[in-house]
Amino acid sequence: MTQDEIIEMARQAGLHVASDVNWMPVIGLDYAKRLIELAAAKEREACAKVCETAREAIWEYHEEHLKAAACNVCTNIAQAIRARGQA
């Protein structure tokens, strides 16, 4: 994640992000938890997309009898990663 993405998530979490001060304001625990949730969700989605990208590459590099099994594995991993956010 880039700094800009983290700053945007902080704004989505309800934090005022000031760029013109040289001090770190104290933030409430609820805001910090929300920011952590947003960051974790973004990271989960990025990981799931890596699995889906790998699934697409399988068709080019594997023998026919392995394709269906490998595709299912990649799909299941992507679904499992996304499901972690629902627990």
PDB file of N, CA and C in Angstrom:
ATOM      1  N   MET A   1       0.831  -1.176   0.000  1.00  0.00           N
ATOM      2  CA  MET A   1       0.000   0.000   0.000  1.00  0.00           C
ATOM      3  C   MET A   1       0.880   1.246   0.000  1.00  0.00           C
ATOM      4  N   THR A   2       0.423   2.239  -0.704  1.00  0.00           N
ATOM      5  CA  THR A   2       1.178   3.488  -0.739  1.00  0.00           C
ATOM      6  C   THR A   2       0.750   4.393   0.406  1.00  0.00           C
ATOM      7  N   GLN A   3       1.551   5.399   0.689  1.00  0.00           N
ATOM      8  CA  GLN A   3       1.198   6.370   1.726  1.00  0.00           C
ATOM      9  C   GLN A   3      -0.116   7.074   1.393  1.00  0.00           C
ATOM     10  N   ASP A   4      -0.298   7.392   0.123  1.00  0.00           N
ATOM     11  CA  ASP A   4      -1.534   8.067  -0.287  1.00  0.00           C
ATOM     12  C   ASP A   4      -2.756   7.190  -0.035  1.00  0.00           C
ATOM     13  N   GLU A   5      -2.613   5.882  -0.283  1.00  0.00           N
ATOM     14  CA  GLU A   5      -3.732   4.965  -0.028  1.00  0.00           C
ATOM     15  C   GLU A   5      -4.046   4.897   1.464  1.00  0.00           C
ATOM     16  N   ILE A   6      -3.020   4.886   2.301  1.00  0.00           N
ATOM     17  CA  ILE A   6      -3.230   4.842   3.749  1.00  0.00           C
ATOM     18  C   ILE A   6      -3.882   6.138   4.226  1.00  0.00           C
ATOM     19  N   ILE A   7      -3.449   7.256   3.693  1.00  0.00           N
ATOM     20  CA  ILE A   7      -4.059   8.539   4.060  1.00  0.00           C
ATOM     21  C   ILE A   7      -5.525   8.563   3.648  1.00  0.00           C
ATOM     22  N   GLU A   8      -5.831   8.053   2.459  1.00  0.00           N
ATOM     23  CA  GLU A   8      -7.223   8.008   2.009  1.00  0.00           C
ATOM     24  C   GLU A   8      -8.050   7.101   2.920  1.00  0.00           C
ATOM     25  N   MET A   9      -7.486   5.974   3.327  1.00  0.00           N
ATOM     26  CA  MET A   9      -8.204   5.088   4.253  1.00  0.00           C
ATOM     27  C   MET A   9      -8.419   5.772   5.604  1.00  0.00           C
ATOM     28  N   ALA A  10      -7.450   6.545   6.046  1.00  0.00           N
ATOM     29  CA  ALA A  10      -7.608   7.284   7.305  1.00  0.00           C
ATOM     30  C   ALA A  10      -8.780   8.259   7.190  1.00  0.00           C
ATOM     31  N   ARG A  11      -8.882   8.918   6.060  1.00  0.00           N
ATOM     32  CA  ARG A  11     -10.019   9.828   5.837  1.00  0.00           C
ATOM     33  C   ARG A  11     -11.335   9.058   5.836  1.00  0.00           C
ATOM     34  N   GLN A  12     -11.350   7.880   5.174  1.00  0.00           N
ATOM     35  CA  GLN A  12     -12.561   7.061   5.157  1.00  0.00           C
ATOM     36  C   GLN A  12     -12.937   6.584   6.556  1.00  0.00           C
ATOM     37  N   ALA A  13     -11.941   6.421   7.399  1.00  0.00           N
ATOM     38  CA  ALA A  13     -12.186   5.987   8.776  1.00  0.00           C
ATOM     39  C   ALA A  13     -12.690   7.133   9.648  1.00  0.00           C
ATOM     40  N   GLY A  14     -12.699   8.346   9.099  1.00  0.00           N
ATOM     41  CA  GLY A  14     -13.210   9.492   9.832  1.00  0.00           C
ATOM     42  C   GLY A  14     -12.145  10.363  10.470  1.00  0.00           C
ATOM     43  N   LEU A  15     -10.902  10.161  10.098  1.00  0.00           N
ATOM     44  CA  LEU A  15      -9.813  10.959  10.664  1.00  0.00           C
ATOM     45  C   LEU A  15      -9.571  12.191   9.814  1.00  0.00           C
ATOM     46  N   HIS A  16      -9.255  13.287  10.482  1.00  0.00           N
ATOM     47  CA  HIS A  16      -8.818  14.478   9.763  1.00  0.00           C
ATOM     48  C   HIS A  16      -7.312  14.360   9.626  1.00  0.00           C
ATOM     49  N   VAL A  17      -6.830  14.343   8.405  1.00  0.00           N
ATOM     50  CA  VAL A  17      -5.400  14.194   8.160  1.00  0.00           C
ATOM     51  C   VAL A  17      -4.833  15.561   7.819  1.00  0.00           C
ATOM     52  N   ALA A  18      -4.049  16.100   8.737  1.00  0.00           N
ATOM     53  CA  ALA A  18      -3.461  17.421   8.546  1.00  0.00           C
ATOM     54  C   ALA A  18      -2.044  17.265   8.019  1.00  0.00           C
ATOM     55  N   SER A  19      -1.719  17.999   6.982  1.00  0.00           N
ATOM     56  CA  SER A  19      -0.375  17.918   6.415  1.00  0.00           C
ATOM     57  C   SER A  19       0.479  19.129   6.763  1.00  0.00           C
ATOM     58  N   ASP A  20      -0.109  20.073   7.481  1.00  0.00           N
ATOM     59  CA  ASP A  20       0.615  21.318   7.747  1.00  0.00           C
ATOM     60  C   ASP A  20       1.093  21.422   9.189  1.00  0.00           C
ATOM     61  N   VAL A  21       1.131  20.318   9.895  1.00  0.00           N
ATOM     62  CA  VAL A  21       1.586  20.353  11.291  1.00  0.00           C
ATOM     63  C   VAL A  21       2.698  19.329  11.496  1.00  0.00           C
ATOM     64  N   ASN A  22       3.493  19.539  12.501  1.00  0.00           N
ATOM     65  CA  ASN A  22       4.608  18.646  12.792  1.00  0.00           C
ATOM     66  C   ASN A  22       4.373  17.846  14.062  1.00  0.00           C
ATOM     67  N   TRP A  23       3.141  17.535  14.355  1.00  0.00           N
ATOM     68  CA  TRP A  23       2.828  16.740  15.542  1.00  0.00           C
ATOM     69  C   TRP A  23       1.820  15.678  15.169  1.00  0.00           C
ATOM     70  N   MET A  24       1.768  14.659  15.971  1.00  0.00           N
ATOM     71  CA  MET A  24       0.856  13.547  15.714  1.00  0.00           C
ATOM     72  C   MET A  24      -0.316  13.662  16.677  1.00  0.00           C
ATOM     73  N   PRO A  25      -1.496  13.938  16.160  1.00  0.00           N
ATOM     74  CA  PRO A  25      -2.643  14.028  17.057  1.00  0.00           C
ATOM     75  C   PRO A  25      -3.002  12.649  17.618  1.00  0.00           C
ATOM     76  N   VAL A  26      -3.577  12.640  18.783  1.00  0.00           N
ATOM     77  CA  VAL A  26      -4.047  11.397  19.388  1.00  0.00           C
ATOM     78  C   VAL A  26      -5.378  11.052  18.739  1.00  0.00           C
ATOM     79  N   ILE A  27      -5.528   9.808  18.313  1.00  0.00           N
ATOM     80  CA  ILE A  27      -6.772   9.395  17.684  1.00  0.00           C
ATOM     81  C   ILE A  27      -7.487   8.405  18.579  1.00  0.00           C
ATOM     82  N   GLY A  28      -8.780   8.405  18.463  1.00  0.00           N
ATOM     83  CA  GLY A  28      -9.575   7.487  19.254  1.00  0.00           C
ATOM     84  C   GLY A  28      -9.401   6.051  18.786  1.00  0.00           C
ATOM     85  N   LEU A  29      -9.624   5.126  19.688  1.00  0.00           N
ATOM     86  CA  LEU A  29      -9.465   3.713  19.392  1.00  0.00           C
ATOM     87  C   LEU A  29     -10.416   3.270  18.285  1.00  0.00           C
ATOM     88  N   ASP A  30     -11.636   3.796  18.271  1.00  0.00           N
ATOM     89  CA  ASP A  30     -12.589   3.422  17.222  1.00  0.00           C
ATOM     90  C   ASP A  30     -12.072   3.802  15.837  1.00  0.00           C
ATOM     91  N   TYR A  31     -11.475   4.992  15.719  1.00  0.00           N
ATOM     92  CA  TYR A  31     -10.924   5.412  14.426  1.00  0.00           C
ATOM     93  C   TYR A  31      -9.738   4.536  14.032  1.00  0.00           C
ATOM     94  N   ALA A  32      -8.886   4.235  14.984  1.00  0.00           N
ATOM     95  CA  ALA A  32      -7.725   3.395  14.699  1.00  0.00           C
ATOM     96  C   ALA A  32      -8.168   2.003  14.253  1.00  0.00           C
ATOM     97  N   LYS A  33      -9.164   1.435  14.933  1.00  0.00           N
ATOM     98  CA  LYS A  33      -9.670   0.114  14.543  1.00  0.00           C
ATOM     99  C   LYS A  33     -10.245   0.147  13.136  1.00  0.00           C
ATOM    100  N   ARG A  34     -10.979   1.188  12.813  1.00  0.00           N
ATOM    101  CA  ARG A  34     -11.573   1.302  11.476  1.00  0.00           C
ATOM    102  C   ARG A  34     -10.484   1.409  10.413  1.00  0.00           C
ATOM    103  N   LEU A  35      -9.444   2.184  10.691  1.00  0.00           N
ATOM    104  CA  LEU A  35      -8.339   2.315   9.749  1.00  0.00           C
ATOM    105  C   LEU A  35      -7.667   0.960   9.533  1.00  0.00           C
ATOM    106  N   ILE A  36      -7.459   0.222  10.607  1.00  0.00           N
ATOM    107  CA  ILE A  36      -6.849  -1.107  10.503  1.00  0.00           C
ATOM    108  C   ILE A  36      -7.743  -2.029   9.684  1.00  0.00           C
ATOM    109  N   GLU A  37      -9.044  -1.973   9.903  1.00  0.00           N
ATOM    110  CA  GLU A  37      -9.981  -2.795   9.128  1.00  0.00           C
ATOM    111  C   GLU A  37      -9.914  -2.464   7.645  1.00  0.00           C
ATOM    112  N   LEU A  38      -9.867  -1.182   7.312  1.00  0.00           N
ATOM    113  CA  LEU A  38      -9.787  -0.770   5.909  1.00  0.00           C
ATOM    114  C   LEU A  38      -8.483  -1.246   5.269  1.00  0.00           C
ATOM    115  N   ALA A  39      -7.377  -1.101   5.987  1.00  0.00           N
ATOM    116  CA  ALA A  39      -6.082  -1.538   5.458  1.00  0.00           C
ATOM    117  C   ALA A  39      -6.065  -3.051   5.255  1.00  0.00           C
ATOM    118  N   ALA A  40      -6.591  -3.793   6.213  1.00  0.00           N
ATOM    119  CA  ALA A  40      -6.616  -5.249   6.100  1.00  0.00           C
ATOM    120  C   ALA A  40      -7.492  -5.689   4.929  1.00  0.00           C
ATOM    121  N   ALA A  41      -8.633  -5.037   4.737  1.00  0.00           N
ATOM    122  CA  ALA A  41      -9.520  -5.377   3.626  1.00  0.00           C
ATOM    123  C   ALA A  41      -8.835  -5.129   2.284  1.00  0.00           C
ATOM    124  N   LYS A  42      -8.136  -4.030   2.183  1.00  0.00           N
ATOM    125  CA  LYS A  42      -7.429  -3.718   0.936  1.00  0.00           C
ATOM    126  C   LYS A  42      -6.337  -4.753   0.667  1.00  0.00           C
ATOM    127  N   GLU A  43      -5.619  -5.160   1.704  1.00  0.00           N
ATOM    128  CA  GLU A  43      -4.565  -6.153   1.542  1.00  0.00           C
ATOM    129  C   GLU A  43      -5.140  -7.520   1.183  1.00  0.00           C
ATOM    130  N   ARG A  44      -6.257  -7.903   1.806  1.00  0.00           N
ATOM    131  CA  ARG A  44      -6.906  -9.169   1.454  1.00  0.00           C
ATOM    132  C   ARG A  44      -7.308  -9.188  -0.010  1.00  0.00           C
ATOM    133  N   GLU A  45      -7.899  -8.092  -0.470  1.00  0.00           N
ATOM    134  CA  GLU A  45      -8.334  -8.028  -1.867  1.00  0.00           C
ATOM    135  C   GLU A  45      -7.141  -8.114  -2.819  1.00  0.00           C
ATOM    136  N   ALA A  46      -6.041  -7.449  -2.466  1.00  0.00           N
ATOM    137  CA  ALA A  46      -4.843  -7.523  -3.304  1.00  0.00           C
ATOM    138  C   ALA A  46      -4.325  -8.956  -3.370  1.00  0.00           C
ATOM    139  N   CYS A  47      -4.334  -9.660  -2.250  1.00  0.00           N
ATOM    140  CA  CYS A  47      -3.871 -11.054  -2.232  1.00  0.00           C
ATOM    141  C   CYS A  47      -4.803 -11.949  -3.054  1.00  0.00           C
ATOM    142  N   ALA A  48      -6.104 -11.741  -2.928  1.00  0.00           N
ATOM    143  CA  ALA A  48      -7.058 -12.539  -3.698  1.00  0.00           C
ATOM    144  C   ALA A  48      -6.867 -12.311  -5.192  1.00  0.00           C
ATOM    145  N   LYS A  49      -6.571 -11.086  -5.579  1.00  0.00           N
ATOM    146  CA  LYS A  49      -6.350 -10.796  -6.996  1.00  0.00           C
ATOM    147  C   LYS A  49      -5.080 -11.457  -7.514  1.00  0.00           C
ATOM    148  N   VAL A  50      -4.062 -11.607  -6.664  1.00  0.00           N
ATOM    149  CA  VAL A  50      -2.861 -12.337  -7.068  1.00  0.00           C
ATOM    150  C   VAL A  50      -3.231 -13.777  -7.404  1.00  0.00           C
ATOM    151  N   CYS A  51      -4.089 -14.377  -6.595  1.00  0.00           N
ATOM    152  CA  CYS A  51      -4.537 -15.747  -6.860  1.00  0.00           C
ATOM    153  C   CYS A  51      -5.291 -15.829  -8.182  1.00  0.00           C
ATOM    154  N   GLU A  52      -6.154 -14.855  -8.428  1.00  0.00           N
ATOM    155  CA  GLU A  52      -6.923 -14.859  -9.674  1.00  0.00           C
ATOM    156  C   GLU A  52      -6.019 -14.647 -10.885  1.00  0.00           C
ATOM    157  N   THR A  53      -4.991 -13.835 -10.736  1.00  0.00           N
ATOM    158  CA  THR A  53      -4.026 -13.630 -11.814  1.00  0.00           C
ATOM    159  C   THR A  53      -3.262 -14.925 -12.085  1.00  0.00           C
ATOM    160  N   ALA A  54      -2.892 -15.614 -11.012  1.00  0.00           N
ATOM    161  CA  ALA A  54      -2.206 -16.905 -11.172  1.00  0.00           C
ATOM    162  C   ALA A  54      -3.118 -17.904 -11.877  1.00  0.00           C
ATOM    163  N   ARG A  55      -4.396 -17.877 -11.531  1.00  0.00           N
ATOM    164  CA  ARG A  55      -5.360 -18.775 -12.174  1.00  0.00           C
ATOM    165  C   ARG A  55      -5.375 -18.559 -13.681  1.00  0.00           C
ATOM    166  N   GLU A  56      -5.331 -17.311 -14.110  1.00  0.00           N
ATOM    167  CA  GLU A  56      -5.346 -17.015 -15.542  1.00  0.00           C
ATOM    168  C   GLU A  56      -4.054 -17.488 -16.217  1.00  0.00           C
ATOM    169  N   ALA A  57      -2.937 -17.406 -15.530  1.00  0.00           N
ATOM    170  CA  ALA A  57      -1.659 -17.815 -16.099  1.00  0.00           C
ATOM    171  C   ALA A  57      -1.550 -19.335 -16.224  1.00  0.00           C
ATOM    172  N   ILE A  58      -2.294 -20.041 -15.403  1.00  0.00           N
ATOM    173  CA  ILE A  58      -2.250 -21.504 -15.429  1.00  0.00           C
ATOM    174  C   ILE A  58      -2.602 -22.030 -16.810  1.00  0.00           C
ATOM    175  N   TRP A  59      -3.529 -21.407 -17.476  1.00  0.00           N
ATOM    176  CA  TRP A  59      -3.975 -21.906 -18.779  1.00  0.00           C
ATOM    177  C   TRP A  59      -2.852 -21.894 -19.802  1.00  0.00           C
ATOM    178  N   GLU A  60      -1.900 -21.043 -19.631  1.00  0.00           N
ATOM    179  CA  GLU A  60      -0.812 -20.965 -20.593  1.00  0.00           C
ATOM    180  C   GLU A  60       0.323 -21.933 -20.290  1.00  0.00           C
ATOM    181  N   TYR A  61       0.527 -22.284 -19.043  1.00  0.00           N
ATOM    182  CA  TYR A  61       1.756 -22.968 -18.660  1.00  0.00           C
ATOM    183  C   TYR A  61       1.589 -24.401 -18.169  1.00  0.00           C
ATOM    184  N   HIS A  62       0.391 -24.920 -18.038  1.00  0.00           N
ATOM    185  CA  HIS A  62       0.210 -26.265 -17.508  1.00  0.00           C
ATOM    186  C   HIS A  62      -0.439 -27.185 -18.532  1.00  0.00           C
ATOM    187  N   GLU A  63      -0.185 -28.457 -18.335  1.00  0.00           N
ATOM    188  CA  GLU A  63      -0.792 -29.451 -19.199  1.00  0.00           C
ATOM    189  C   GLU A  63      -2.291 -29.512 -18.946  1.00  0.00           C
ATOM    190  N   GLU A  64      -2.997 -29.988 -19.919  1.00  0.00           N
ATOM    191  CA  GLU A  64      -4.471 -29.976 -19.887  1.00  0.00           C
ATOM    192  C   GLU A  64      -5.046 -30.651 -18.643  1.00  0.00           C
ATOM    193  N   HIS A  65      -4.506 -31.809 -18.248  1.00  0.00           N
ATOM    194  CA  HIS A  65      -5.087 -32.545 -17.123  1.00  0.00           C
ATOM    195  C   HIS A  65      -4.893 -31.842 -15.780  1.00  0.00           C
ATOM    196  N   LEU A  66      -3.986 -30.862 -15.707  1.00  0.00           N
ATOM    197  CA  LEU A  66      -3.763 -30.127 -14.457  1.00  0.00           C
ATOM    198  C   LEU A  66      -4.557 -28.821 -14.379  1.00  0.00           C
ATOM    199  N   LYS A  67      -5.034 -28.369 -15.508  1.00  0.00           N
ATOM    200  CA  LYS A  67      -5.656 -27.042 -15.555  1.00  0.00           C
ATOM    201  C   LYS A  67      -6.871 -26.900 -14.644  1.00  0.00           C
ATOM    202  N   ALA A  68      -7.801 -27.827 -14.700  1.00  0.00           N
ATOM    203  CA  ALA A  68      -9.022 -27.708 -13.900  1.00  0.00           C
ATOM    204  C   ALA A  68      -8.715 -27.731 -12.415  1.00  0.00           C
ATOM    205  N   ALA A  69      -7.853 -28.634 -11.990  1.00  0.00           N
ATOM    206  CA  ALA A  69      -7.511 -28.729 -10.566  1.00  0.00           C
ATOM    207  C   ALA A  69      -6.793 -27.463 -10.103  1.00  0.00           C
ATOM    208  N   ALA A  70      -5.834 -26.992 -10.880  1.00  0.00           N
ATOM    209  CA  ALA A  70      -5.093 -25.792 -10.505  1.00  0.00           C
ATOM    210  C   ALA A  70      -6.000 -24.571 -10.486  1.00  0.00           C
ATOM    211  N   CYS A  71      -6.903 -24.486 -11.440  1.00  0.00           N
ATOM    212  CA  CYS A  71      -7.856 -23.376 -11.475  1.00  0.00           C
ATOM    213  C   CYS A  71      -8.735 -23.381 -10.233  1.00  0.00           C
ATOM    214  N   ASN A  72      -9.211 -24.555  -9.847  1.00  0.00           N
ATOM    215  CA  ASN A  72     -10.043 -24.665  -8.643  1.00  0.00           C
ATOM    216  C   ASN A  72      -9.281 -24.268  -7.391  1.00  0.00           C
ATOM    217  N   VAL A  73      -8.026 -24.672  -7.311  1.00  0.00           N
ATOM    218  CA  VAL A  73      -7.210 -24.302  -6.152  1.00  0.00           C
ATOM    219  C   VAL A  73      -7.083 -22.785  -6.061  1.00  0.00           C
ATOM    220  N   CYS A  74      -6.731 -22.127  -7.147  1.00  0.00           N
ATOM    221  CA  CYS A  74      -6.587 -20.668  -7.143  1.00  0.00           C
ATOM    222  C   CYS A  74      -7.887 -19.972  -6.779  1.00  0.00           C
ATOM    223  N   THR A  75      -8.986 -20.447  -7.337  1.00  0.00           N
ATOM    224  CA  THR A  75     -10.296 -19.867  -7.043  1.00  0.00           C
ATOM    225  C   THR A  75     -10.645 -20.038  -5.567  1.00  0.00           C
ATOM    226  N   ASN A  76     -10.406 -21.222  -5.028  1.00  0.00           N
ATOM    227  CA  ASN A  76     -10.712 -21.491  -3.623  1.00  0.00           C
ATOM    228  C   ASN A  76      -9.852 -20.655  -2.683  1.00  0.00           C
ATOM    229  N   ILE A  77      -8.589 -20.476  -3.028  1.00  0.00           N
ATOM    230  CA  ILE A  77      -7.714 -19.646  -2.194  1.00  0.00           C
ATOM    231  C   ILE A  77      -8.194 -18.201  -2.200  1.00  0.00           C
ATOM    232  N   ALA A  78      -8.532 -17.675  -3.368  1.00  0.00           N
ATOM    233  CA  ALA A  78      -9.033 -16.297  -3.458  1.00  0.00           C
ATOM    234  C   ALA A  78     -10.302 -16.131  -2.628  1.00  0.00           C
ATOM    235  N   GLN A  79     -11.206 -17.102  -2.702  1.00  0.00           N
ATOM    236  CA  GLN A  79     -12.446 -17.031  -1.914  1.00  0.00           C
ATOM    237  C   GLN A  79     -12.151 -17.106  -0.424  1.00  0.00           C
ATOM    238  N   ALA A  80     -11.211 -17.949  -0.026  1.00  0.00           N
ATOM    239  CA  ALA A  80     -10.858 -18.090   1.387  1.00  0.00           C
ATOM    240  C   ALA A  80     -10.244 -16.799   1.925  1.00  0.00           C
ATOM    241  N   ILE A  81      -9.416 -16.153   1.125  1.00  0.00           N
ATOM    242  CA  ILE A  81      -8.811 -14.881   1.545  1.00  0.00           C
ATOM    243  C   ILE A  81      -9.899 -13.836   1.748  1.00  0.00           C
ATOM    244  N   ARG A  82     -10.809 -13.725   0.802  1.00  0.00           N
ATOM    245  CA  ARG A  82     -11.892 -12.738   0.938  1.00  0.00           C
ATOM    246  C   ARG A  82     -12.799 -13.065   2.127  1.00  0.00           C
ATOM    247  N   ALA A  83     -13.025 -14.326   2.394  1.00  0.00           N
ATOM    248  CA  ALA A  83     -13.903 -14.731   3.500  1.00  0.00           C
ATOM    249  C   ALA A  83     -13.317 -14.348   4.851  1.00  0.00           C
ATOM    250  N   ARG A  84     -12.015 -14.192   4.935  1.00  0.00           N
ATOM    251  CA  ARG A  84     -11.404 -13.813   6.216  1.00  0.00           C
ATOM    252  C   ARG A  84     -11.955 -12.478   6.715  1.00  0.00           C
ATOM    253  N   GLY A  85     -12.383 -11.626   5.822  1.00  0.00           N
ATOM    254  CA  GLY A  85     -12.950 -10.342   6.217  1.00  0.00           C
ATOM    255  C   GLY A  85     -14.365 -10.443   6.721  1.00  0.00           C
ATOM    256  N   GLN A  86     -14.997 -11.587   6.540  1.00  0.00           N
ATOM    257  CA  GLN A  86     -16.382 -11.759   6.976  1.00  0.00           C
ATOM    258  C   GLN A  86     -16.493 -12.465   8.307  1.00  0.00           C
ATOM    259  N   ALA A  87     -15.374 -12.922   8.816  1.00  0.00           N
ATOM    260  CA  ALA A  87     -15.394 -13.674  10.089  1.00  0.00           C
ATOM    261  C   ALA A  87     -15.453 -12.747  11.279  1.00  0.00           C
TER     262      ALA A  87
END
